[in-house]
C-alpha atoms as a PDB file:
ATOM      1  CA  MET A   1     -10.263 -28.429 -10.923  1.00  0.00           C
ATOM      2  CA  SER A   2      -9.825 -31.839 -12.474  1.00  0.00           C
ATOM      3  CA  ASP A   3      -8.627 -33.760  -9.390  1.00  0.00           C
ATOM      4  CA  THR A   4     -11.810 -34.427  -7.460  1.00  0.00           C
ATOM      5  CA  ALA A   5      -9.924 -36.055  -4.545  1.00  0.00           C
ATOM      6  CA  ALA A   6      -7.898 -32.965  -3.672  1.00  0.00           C
ATOM      7  CA  HIS A   7      -8.930 -30.668  -0.860  1.00  0.00           C
ATOM      8  CA  TRP A   8      -9.131 -26.886  -0.928  1.00  0.00           C
ATOM      9  CA  TYR A   9      -7.390 -24.248   1.169  1.00  0.00           C
ATOM     10  CA  VAL A  10      -9.150 -21.017   2.103  1.00  0.00           C
ATOM     11  CA  ILE A  11      -6.890 -18.053   1.316  1.00  0.00           C
ATOM     12  CA  TRP A  12      -7.232 -14.690   3.027  1.00  0.00           C
ATOM     13  CA  THR A  13      -6.064 -11.919   0.688  1.00  0.00           C
ATOM     14  CA  GLU A  14      -5.221  -8.273   0.966  1.00  0.00           C
ATOM     15  CA  ALA A  15      -8.203  -5.958   0.533  1.00  0.00           C
ATOM     16  CA  ARG A  16      -9.596  -5.953  -3.011  1.00  0.00           C
ATOM     17  CA  ALA A  17      -6.823  -8.296  -4.238  1.00  0.00           C
ATOM     18  CA  GLU A  18      -8.890 -11.453  -4.727  1.00  0.00           C
ATOM     19  CA  LYS A  19      -8.935 -11.392  -8.553  1.00  0.00           C
ATOM     20  CA  LEU A  20      -5.228 -10.551  -8.737  1.00  0.00           C
ATOM     21  CA  VAL A  21      -4.284 -13.362  -6.330  1.00  0.00           C
ATOM     22  CA  ALA A  22      -6.476 -15.822  -8.278  1.00  0.00           C
ATOM     23  CA  SER A  23      -4.737 -14.912 -11.537  1.00  0.00           C
ATOM     24  CA  ARG A  24      -1.294 -15.169  -9.884  1.00  0.00           C
ATOM     25  CA  LEU A  25      -2.150 -18.619  -8.538  1.00  0.00           C
ATOM     26  CA  GLU A  26      -3.314 -19.779 -11.952  1.00  0.00           C
ATOM     27  CA  ALA A  27      -0.144 -18.332 -13.567  1.00  0.00           C
ATOM     28  CA  ILE A  28       2.077 -20.506 -11.361  1.00  0.00           C
ATOM     29  CA  GLY A  29      -0.063 -23.616 -11.869  1.00  0.00           C
ATOM     30  CA  HIS A  30      -2.267 -23.647  -8.762  1.00  0.00           C
ATOM     31  CA  ALA A  31      -5.968 -24.267  -9.366  1.00  0.00           C
ATOM     32  CA  SER A  32      -8.083 -21.660  -7.628  1.00  0.00           C
ATOM     33  CA  TRP A  33     -11.723 -20.641  -7.391  1.00  0.00           C
ATOM     34  CA  LEU A  34     -13.014 -17.160  -6.669  1.00  0.00           C
ATOM     35  CA  PRO A  35     -16.793 -17.222  -6.147  1.00  0.00           C
ATOM     36  CA  THR A  36     -18.345 -14.069  -7.583  1.00  0.00           C
ATOM     37  CA  TYR A  37     -21.702 -12.404  -8.015  1.00  0.00           C
ATOM     38  CA  THR A  38     -22.924  -9.593 -10.244  1.00  0.00           C
ATOM     39  CA  ALA A  39     -24.044  -6.316  -8.710  1.00  0.00           C
ATOM     40  CA  ARG A  40     -25.333  -3.127 -10.262  1.00  0.00           C
ATOM     41  CA  ARG A  41     -23.355  -0.024  -9.395  1.00  0.00           C
ATOM     42  CA  GLN A  42     -24.220   3.539 -10.282  1.00  0.00           C
ATOM     43  CA  TRP A  43     -21.644   5.887 -11.703  1.00  0.00           C
ATOM     44  CA  SER A  44     -22.435   9.572 -12.083  1.00  0.00           C
ATOM     45  CA  ASP A  45     -23.699   9.065 -15.636  1.00  0.00           C
ATOM     46  CA  ARG A  46     -24.825   5.405 -15.824  1.00  0.00           C
ATOM     47  CA  TRP A  47     -25.501   2.069 -14.159  1.00  0.00           C
ATOM     48  CA  LYS A  48     -23.060  -0.763 -14.716  1.00  0.00           C
ATOM     49  CA  ALA A  49     -23.042  -4.464 -13.859  1.00  0.00           C
ATOM     50  CA  VAL A  50     -19.836  -5.368 -12.018  1.00  0.00           C
ATOM     51  CA  THR A  51     -18.488  -8.734 -10.913  1.00  0.00           C
ATOM     52  CA  LEU A  52     -17.505  -8.788  -7.245  1.00  0.00           C
ATOM     53  CA  PRO A  53     -16.131 -11.474  -4.902  1.00  0.00           C
ATOM     54  CA  LEU A  54     -18.874 -13.272  -2.998  1.00  0.00           C
ATOM     55  CA  PHE A  55     -16.571 -13.594   0.025  1.00  0.00           C
ATOM     56  CA  PRO A  56     -14.614 -10.326   0.086  1.00  0.00           C
ATOM     57  CA  GLY A  57     -11.014 -11.019   1.027  1.00  0.00           C
ATOM     58  CA  TYR A  58     -11.200 -14.774   0.441  1.00  0.00           C
ATOM     59  CA  LEU A  59     -10.718 -17.332  -2.310  1.00  0.00           C
ATOM     60  CA  PHE A  60     -10.026 -21.044  -2.534  1.00  0.00           C
ATOM     61  CA  ALA A  61      -6.908 -22.863  -3.781  1.00  0.00           C
ATOM     62  CA  GLN A  62      -6.829 -26.551  -4.560  1.00  0.00           C
ATOM     63  CA  GLU A  63      -4.389 -28.700  -2.641  1.00  0.00           C
ATOM     64  CA  GLY A  64      -1.490 -29.917  -4.783  1.00  0.00           C
ATOM     65  CA  PRO A  65       1.846 -31.713  -4.622  1.00  0.00           C
ATOM     66  CA  TRP A  66       3.464 -28.573  -3.188  1.00  0.00           C
ATOM     67  CA  SER A  67       3.651 -27.353   0.386  1.00  0.00           C
ATOM     68  CA  TRP A  68       0.908 -25.009   1.585  1.00  0.00           C
ATOM     69  CA  HIS A  69       3.694 -22.634   2.607  1.00  0.00           C
ATOM     70  CA  GLU A  70       4.178 -21.906  -1.107  1.00  0.00           C
ATOM     71  CA  LEU A  71       0.768 -20.212  -1.170  1.00  0.00           C
ATOM     72  CA  LEU A  72       1.950 -17.763   1.487  1.00  0.00           C
ATOM     73  CA  ARG A  73       4.661 -16.507  -0.877  1.00  0.00           C
ATOM     74  CA  VAL A  74       2.161 -15.416  -3.544  1.00  0.00           C
ATOM     75  CA  PRO A  75       1.945 -11.602  -3.531  1.00  0.00           C
ATOM     76  CA  GLY A  76      -1.403 -10.469  -2.122  1.00  0.00           C
ATOM     77  CA  VAL A  77      -1.901 -13.523   0.122  1.00  0.00           C
ATOM     78  CA  LEU A  78      -2.067 -12.564   3.800  1.00  0.00           C
ATOM     79  CA  THR A  79      -2.447 -16.072   5.197  1.00  0.00           C
ATOM     80  CA  LEU A  80      -4.503 -19.237   5.007  1.00  0.00           C
ATOM     81  CA  VAL A  81      -7.511 -19.716   7.225  1.00  0.00           C
ATOM     82  CA  LYS A  82      -6.340 -22.042   9.990  1.00  0.00           C
ATOM     83  CA  ALA A  83      -7.666 -24.100  12.865  1.00  0.00           C
ATOM     84  CA  GLY A  84      -4.910 -23.482  15.379  1.00  0.00           C
ATOM     85  CA  SER A  85      -1.685 -23.675  13.400  1.00  0.00           C
ATOM     86  CA  VAL A  86      -3.009 -26.032  10.716  1.00  0.00           C
ATOM     87  CA  PRO A  87      -4.679 -24.740   7.513  1.00  0.00           C
ATOM     88  CA  VAL A  88      -8.357 -25.577   7.162  1.00  0.00           C
ATOM     89  CA  LEU A  89      -9.016 -27.990   4.299  1.00  0.00           C
ATOM     90  CA  LEU A  90     -12.411 -28.123   2.618  1.00  0.00           C
ATOM     91  CA  SER A  91     -13.382 -31.231   0.670  1.00  0.00           C
ATOM     92  CA  SER A  92     -13.793 -31.132  -3.092  1.00  0.00           C
ATOM     93  CA  ALA A  93     -17.353 -32.376  -2.589  1.00  0.00           C
ATOM     94  CA  TYR A  94     -18.083 -29.372  -0.359  1.00  0.00           C
ATOM     95  CA  ILE A  95     -16.611 -26.958  -2.928  1.00  0.00           C
ATOM     96  CA  ALA A  96     -18.581 -28.668  -5.726  1.00  0.00           C
ATOM     97  CA  GLU A  97     -21.839 -28.299  -3.748  1.00  0.00           C
ATOM     98  CA  LEU A  98     -21.064 -24.650  -3.036  1.00  0.00           C
ATOM     99  CA  GLN A  99     -20.329 -24.054  -6.732  1.00  0.00           C
ATOM    100  CA  ARG A 100     -23.578 -25.782  -7.695  1.00  0.00           C
ATOM    101  CA  ALA A 101     -25.582 -23.692  -5.221  1.00  0.00           C
ATOM    102  CA  ILE A 102     -23.982 -20.424  -6.320  1.00  0.00           C
ATOM    103  CA  ASN A 103     -24.261 -21.148 -10.046  1.00  0.00           C
ATOM    104  CA  THR A 104     -27.892 -22.320 -10.019  1.00  0.00           C
ATOM    105  CA  PRO A 105     -29.735 -19.979 -12.412  1.00  0.00           C
ATOM    106  CA  ASP A 106     -32.815 -19.279 -10.250  1.00  0.00           C
ATOM    107  CA  VAL A 107     -30.879 -18.741  -7.001  1.00  0.00           C
ATOM    108  CA  GLN A 108     -29.707 -15.219  -6.246  1.00  0.00           C
ATOM    109  CA  VAL A 109     -26.678 -14.994  -3.966  1.00  0.00           C
ATOM    110  CA  GLU A 110     -25.221 -11.946  -2.282  1.00  0.00           C
ATOM    111  CA  PRO A 111     -22.688 -11.479   0.502  1.00  0.00           C
ATOM    112  CA  LEU A 112     -23.772 -10.664   4.011  1.00  0.00           C
ATOM    113  CA  GLU A 113     -22.023  -7.656   5.477  1.00  0.00           C
ATOM    114  CA  ASP A 114     -22.451  -8.741   9.086  1.00  0.00           C
ATOM    115  CA  ALA A 115     -22.364 -12.124  10.741  1.00  0.00           C
ATOM    116  CA  PRO A 116     -25.895 -13.495  10.940  1.00  0.00           C
ATOM    117  CA  VAL A 117     -27.713 -13.445  14.270  1.00  0.00           C
ATOM    118  CA  PHE A 118     -28.860 -16.986  14.967  1.00  0.00           C
ATOM    119  CA  ALA A 119     -30.935 -16.420  18.110  1.00  0.00           C
ATOM    120  CA  PRO A 120     -34.111 -15.097  16.434  1.00  0.00           C
ATOM    121  CA  GLY A 121     -33.979 -17.538  13.472  1.00  0.00           C
ATOM    122  CA  ASP A 122     -35.180 -21.087  13.047  1.00  0.00           C
ATOM    123  CA  GLU A 123     -32.859 -23.805  11.829  1.00  0.00           C
ATOM    124  CA  VAL A 124     -34.221 -25.166   8.548  1.00  0.00           C
ATOM    125  CA  ILE A 125     -33.399 -27.676   5.857  1.00  0.00           C
ATOM    126  CA  VAL A 126     -34.213 -27.079   2.188  1.00  0.00           C
ATOM    127  CA  MET A 127     -36.601 -29.781   0.996  1.00  0.00           C
ATOM    128  CA  ASP A 128     -37.104 -28.823  -2.640  1.00  0.00           C
ATOM    129  CA  GLY A 129     -35.205 -27.288  -5.533  1.00  0.00           C
ATOM    130  CA  PRO A 130     -31.509 -26.992  -6.364  1.00  0.00           C
ATOM    131  CA  LEU A 131     -30.492 -26.462  -2.717  1.00  0.00           C
ATOM    132  CA  ALA A 132     -32.314 -29.551  -1.422  1.00  0.00           C
ATOM    133  CA  GLY A 133     -30.580 -30.951   1.646  1.00  0.00           C
ATOM    134  CA  VAL A 134     -28.808 -27.717   2.569  1.00  0.00           C
ATOM    135  CA  ARG A 135     -29.244 -26.628   6.195  1.00  0.00           C
ATOM    136  CA  GLY A 136     -29.377 -23.032   7.296  1.00  0.00           C
ATOM    137  CA  VAL A 137     -30.944 -20.439   9.515  1.00  0.00           C
ATOM    138  CA  VAL A 138     -33.944 -18.262   8.636  1.00  0.00           C
ATOM    139  CA  ARG A 139     -32.870 -14.614   8.660  1.00  0.00           C
ATOM    140  CA  ASP A 140     -36.117 -12.926   7.586  1.00  0.00           C
ATOM    141  CA  MET A 141     -39.566 -14.277   8.481  1.00  0.00           C
ATOM    142  CA  GLN A 142     -41.779 -11.546   7.057  1.00  0.00           C
ATOM    143  CA  SER A 143     -43.176 -11.925   3.549  1.00  0.00           C
ATOM    144  CA  ARG A 144     -40.309 -14.235   2.573  1.00  0.00           C
ATOM    145  CA  ARG A 145     -37.580 -16.321   4.187  1.00  0.00           C
ATOM    146  CA  THR A 146     -33.911 -15.858   3.513  1.00  0.00           C
ATOM    147  CA  LEU A 147     -31.913 -19.013   4.090  1.00  0.00           C
ATOM    148  CA  VAL A 148     -28.467 -18.244   5.433  1.00  0.00           C
ATOM    149  CA  ILE A 149     -25.842 -20.782   4.502  1.00  0.00           C
ATOM    150  CA  TRP A 150     -23.180 -20.131   7.125  1.00  0.00           C
ATOM    151  CA  ILE A 151     -19.698 -21.191   5.996  1.00  0.00           C
ATOM    152  CA  GLU A 152     -17.915 -21.501   9.319  1.00  0.00           C
ATOM    153  CA  ALA A 153     -14.450 -22.205   7.895  1.00  0.00           C
ATOM    154  CA  ILE A 154     -14.108 -18.668   6.563  1.00  0.00           C
ATOM    155  CA  GLY A 155     -16.484 -16.813   8.860  1.00  0.00           C
ATOM    156  CA  ARG A 156     -18.766 -15.503   6.122  1.00  0.00           C
ATOM    157  CA  GLY A 157     -22.266 -16.310   4.973  1.00  0.00           C
ATOM    158  CA  VAL A 158     -24.332 -16.408   1.828  1.00  0.00           C
ATOM    159  CA  ALA A 159     -28.012 -15.422   1.778  1.00  0.00           C
ATOM    160  CA  CYS A 160     -30.370 -17.221  -0.604  1.00  0.00           C
ATOM    161  CA  THR A 161     -33.996 -16.134  -0.878  1.00  0.00           C
ATOM    162  CA  LEU A 162     -36.348 -19.114  -0.864  1.00  0.00           C
ATOM    163  CA  GLY A 163     -40.105 -19.496  -0.581  1.00  0.00           C
ATOM    164  CA  THR A 164     -41.364 -20.850   2.721  1.00  0.00           C
ATOM    165  CA  ALA A 165     -42.758 -23.933   0.971  1.00  0.00           C
ATOM    166  CA  ALA A 166     -39.224 -25.018   0.033  1.00  0.00           C
ATOM    167  CA  VAL A 167     -37.936 -25.302   3.626  1.00  0.00           C
ATOM    168  CA  ARG A 168     -38.777 -27.361   6.709  1.00  0.00           C
ATOM    169  CA  LYS A 169     -37.967 -26.497  10.299  1.00  0.00           C
ATOM    170  CA  LEU A 170     -35.407 -28.890  11.761  1.00  0.00           C
ATOM    171  CA  GLY A 171     -36.690 -31.045  14.581  1.00  0.00           C
ATOM    172  CA  THR A 172     -39.973 -31.810  12.787  1.00  0.00           C
ATOM    173  CA  ALA A 173     -39.726 -35.329  11.361  1.00  0.00           C
ATOM    174  CA  ASP A 174     -35.988 -35.191  10.626  1.00  0.00           C
END
């Protein structure tokens, strides 16, 4: 990830093949990034911490001097996320901000199983902390607020739990 000017493709993989595809991409010289999180899973005799993809079925590959069609030939790749017939490209700045948000020590991230419902939530902007400036939608308004960072390009979201003092409702002194 040394070329900060390059863009990133969003790769859709076969089920549970994200880590394998990432290693295959790296083996043939393509920079990739697989966002992960740690979850606790119970086996019959113990609990174990396991590393899982944050966006199941998806990973990112950095644009290079090769054709994007080359990515489609990597075993385990189903396709690239596209807008029409053209692959979606995410900026390196966007990927860097996403990496920063995910890797911030005091921020807990976890995948959302379902698409968030926007109708009952308020649109907010984070005013304080490592996610300052990030916009999202409040998912839970009970004893805490969960800021949903919706990543439209891949149709998945990330939920970050923040205190209500750290966010401001959009439309109030933007």
